[in-house]
Amino acid sequence: MRSLREVVIDPAIAAHQGRLVSTAGDSLLIVVDSADGAVRCALRFQREVPVPNGDAPAGQRTMVRVGVTVAEGISRWGEDAV
């Protein structure tokens, strides 16, 4: 995950003026100020994140899922929350 962040994820976040707010396991919460930037960032993730499935059956393939939500963020106790 570290190399994936350095090569694909962090540059995409920076390119779309986003910021990484929190992580949990293999999930990331990223805030991007514009809806257009968020969608472009998500599309870049899906295009550039390598998914080595080879001949794996459909039920055993690695999936990269990205969700985009439009909402106002709030800051509480010095931390970002959505």
C-alpha atoms as a PDB file:
ATOM      1  CA  MET A   1       0.000   0.000   0.000  1.00  0.00           C
ATOM      2  CA  ARG A   2       2.882   2.377   0.752  1.00  0.00           C
ATOM      3  CA  SER A   3       4.309   2.227  -2.774  1.00  0.00           C
ATOM      4  CA  LEU A   4       0.829   2.543  -4.265  1.00  0.00           C
ATOM      5  CA  ARG A   5       0.284   5.695  -2.190  1.00  0.00           C
ATOM      6  CA  GLU A   6       3.642   7.170  -3.274  1.00  0.00           C
ATOM      7  CA  VAL A   7       3.261   6.374  -6.974  1.00  0.00           C
ATOM      8  CA  VAL A   8      -0.464   6.790  -7.672  1.00  0.00           C
ATOM      9  CA  ILE A   9      -2.646   7.948  -4.806  1.00  0.00           C
ATOM     10  CA  ASP A  10      -0.724  10.846  -3.225  1.00  0.00           C
ATOM     11  CA  PRO A  11       0.130  12.468  -6.603  1.00  0.00           C
ATOM     12  CA  ALA A  12      -3.526  12.213  -7.679  1.00  0.00           C
ATOM     13  CA  ILE A  13      -4.699  13.807  -4.438  1.00  0.00           C
ATOM     14  CA  ALA A  14      -2.202  16.656  -4.862  1.00  0.00           C
ATOM     15  CA  ALA A  15      -3.061  17.159  -8.542  1.00  0.00           C
ATOM     16  CA  HIS A  16      -6.710  17.738  -7.633  1.00  0.00           C
ATOM     17  CA  GLN A  17      -6.066  19.940  -4.582  1.00  0.00           C
ATOM     18  CA  GLY A  18      -7.294  17.288  -2.182  1.00  0.00           C
ATOM     19  CA  ARG A  19      -6.119  16.159   1.220  1.00  0.00           C
ATOM     20  CA  LEU A  20      -6.023  12.831   2.985  1.00  0.00           C
ATOM     21  CA  VAL A  21      -8.153  13.158   6.124  1.00  0.00           C
ATOM     22  CA  SER A  22      -7.979   9.663   7.580  1.00  0.00           C
ATOM     23  CA  THR A  23      -7.174   6.037   6.900  1.00  0.00           C
ATOM     24  CA  ALA A  24      -8.634   2.821   8.250  1.00  0.00           C
ATOM     25  CA  GLY A  25      -7.151  -0.464   7.092  1.00  0.00           C
ATOM     26  CA  ASP A  26      -7.019  -0.256   3.310  1.00  0.00           C
ATOM     27  CA  SER A  27      -9.553   2.580   3.030  1.00  0.00           C
ATOM     28  CA  LEU A  28      -8.816   6.285   2.643  1.00  0.00           C
ATOM     29  CA  LEU A  29     -10.987   9.335   3.331  1.00  0.00           C
ATOM     30  CA  ILE A  30      -9.953  12.114   0.971  1.00  0.00           C
ATOM     31  CA  VAL A  31     -11.461  15.594   0.829  1.00  0.00           C
ATOM     32  CA  VAL A  32     -11.401  17.512  -2.452  1.00  0.00           C
ATOM     33  CA  ASP A  33     -12.889  21.017  -2.508  1.00  0.00           C
ATOM     34  CA  SER A  34     -14.645  20.740  -5.870  1.00  0.00           C
ATOM     35  CA  ALA A  35     -16.976  18.042  -7.168  1.00  0.00           C
ATOM     36  CA  ASP A  36     -15.187  18.152 -10.523  1.00  0.00           C
ATOM     37  CA  GLY A  37     -11.819  17.622  -8.827  1.00  0.00           C
ATOM     38  CA  ALA A  38     -13.194  14.761  -6.730  1.00  0.00           C
ATOM     39  CA  VAL A  39     -14.560  12.923  -9.760  1.00  0.00           C
ATOM     40  CA  ARG A  40     -11.360  13.471 -11.745  1.00  0.00           C
ATOM     41  CA  CYS A  41      -9.299  12.218  -8.804  1.00  0.00           C
ATOM     42  CA  ALA A  42     -11.503   9.127  -8.457  1.00  0.00           C
ATOM     43  CA  LEU A  43     -11.260   8.373 -12.174  1.00  0.00           C
ATOM     44  CA  ARG A  44      -7.494   8.722 -12.030  1.00  0.00           C
ATOM     45  CA  PHE A  45      -7.360   6.205  -9.158  1.00  0.00           C
ATOM     46  CA  GLN A  46      -9.416   3.710 -11.095  1.00  0.00           C
ATOM     47  CA  ARG A  47      -7.318   4.117 -14.242  1.00  0.00           C
ATOM     48  CA  GLU A  48      -3.906   4.000 -12.568  1.00  0.00           C
ATOM     49  CA  VAL A  49      -4.233   1.586  -9.641  1.00  0.00           C
ATOM     50  CA  PRO A  50      -2.916  -1.755 -10.879  1.00  0.00           C
ATOM     51  CA  VAL A  51      -5.270  -4.665 -10.305  1.00  0.00           C
ATOM     52  CA  PRO A  52      -3.367  -7.930 -10.840  1.00  0.00           C
ATOM     53  CA  ASN A  53      -6.215 -10.366 -11.424  1.00  0.00           C
ATOM     54  CA  GLY A  54      -4.686 -12.635 -14.028  1.00  0.00           C
ATOM     55  CA  ASP A  55      -7.016 -15.591 -14.516  1.00  0.00           C
ATOM     56  CA  ALA A  56      -8.752 -15.284 -11.127  1.00  0.00           C
ATOM     57  CA  PRO A  57     -12.425 -16.280 -11.128  1.00  0.00           C
ATOM     58  CA  ALA A  58     -14.906 -13.399 -10.972  1.00  0.00           C
ATOM     59  CA  GLY A  59     -15.635 -13.898  -7.261  1.00  0.00           C
ATOM     60  CA  GLN A  60     -11.945 -13.750  -6.312  1.00  0.00           C
ATOM     61  CA  ARG A  61     -10.755 -10.698  -8.262  1.00  0.00           C
ATOM     62  CA  THR A  62      -9.260  -7.648  -6.619  1.00  0.00           C
ATOM     63  CA  MET A  63     -11.606  -4.679  -6.831  1.00  0.00           C
ATOM     64  CA  VAL A  64     -10.855  -0.983  -6.547  1.00  0.00           C
ATOM     65  CA  ARG A  65     -13.951   0.924  -5.528  1.00  0.00           C
ATOM     66  CA  VAL A  66     -14.260   4.668  -5.243  1.00  0.00           C
ATOM     67  CA  GLY A  67     -17.206   6.596  -3.830  1.00  0.00           C
ATOM     68  CA  VAL A  68     -17.800  10.316  -4.280  1.00  0.00           C
ATOM     69  CA  THR A  69     -20.102  12.201  -1.923  1.00  0.00           C
ATOM     70  CA  VAL A  70     -21.066  15.857  -2.068  1.00  0.00           C
ATOM     71  CA  ALA A  71     -21.400  17.266   1.443  1.00  0.00           C
ATOM     72  CA  GLU A  72     -20.174  20.049   3.669  1.00  0.00           C
ATOM     73  CA  GLY A  73     -17.288  18.970   5.870  1.00  0.00           C
ATOM     74  CA  ILE A  74     -17.067  19.968   9.509  1.00  0.00           C
ATOM     75  CA  SER A  75     -14.081  20.394  11.762  1.00  0.00           C
ATOM     76  CA  ARG A  76     -14.398  19.130  15.307  1.00  0.00           C
ATOM     77  CA  TRP A  77     -11.668  19.098  17.959  1.00  0.00           C
ATOM     78  CA  GLY A  78      -9.097  20.068  15.373  1.00  0.00           C
ATOM     79  CA  GLU A  79      -9.848  17.044  13.199  1.00  0.00           C
ATOM     80  CA  ASP A  80     -11.810  16.868   9.979  1.00  0.00           C
ATOM     81  CA  ALA A  81     -15.033  14.922  10.011  1.00  0.00           C
ATOM     82  CA  VAL A  82     -17.537  14.235   7.288  1.00  0.00           C
END
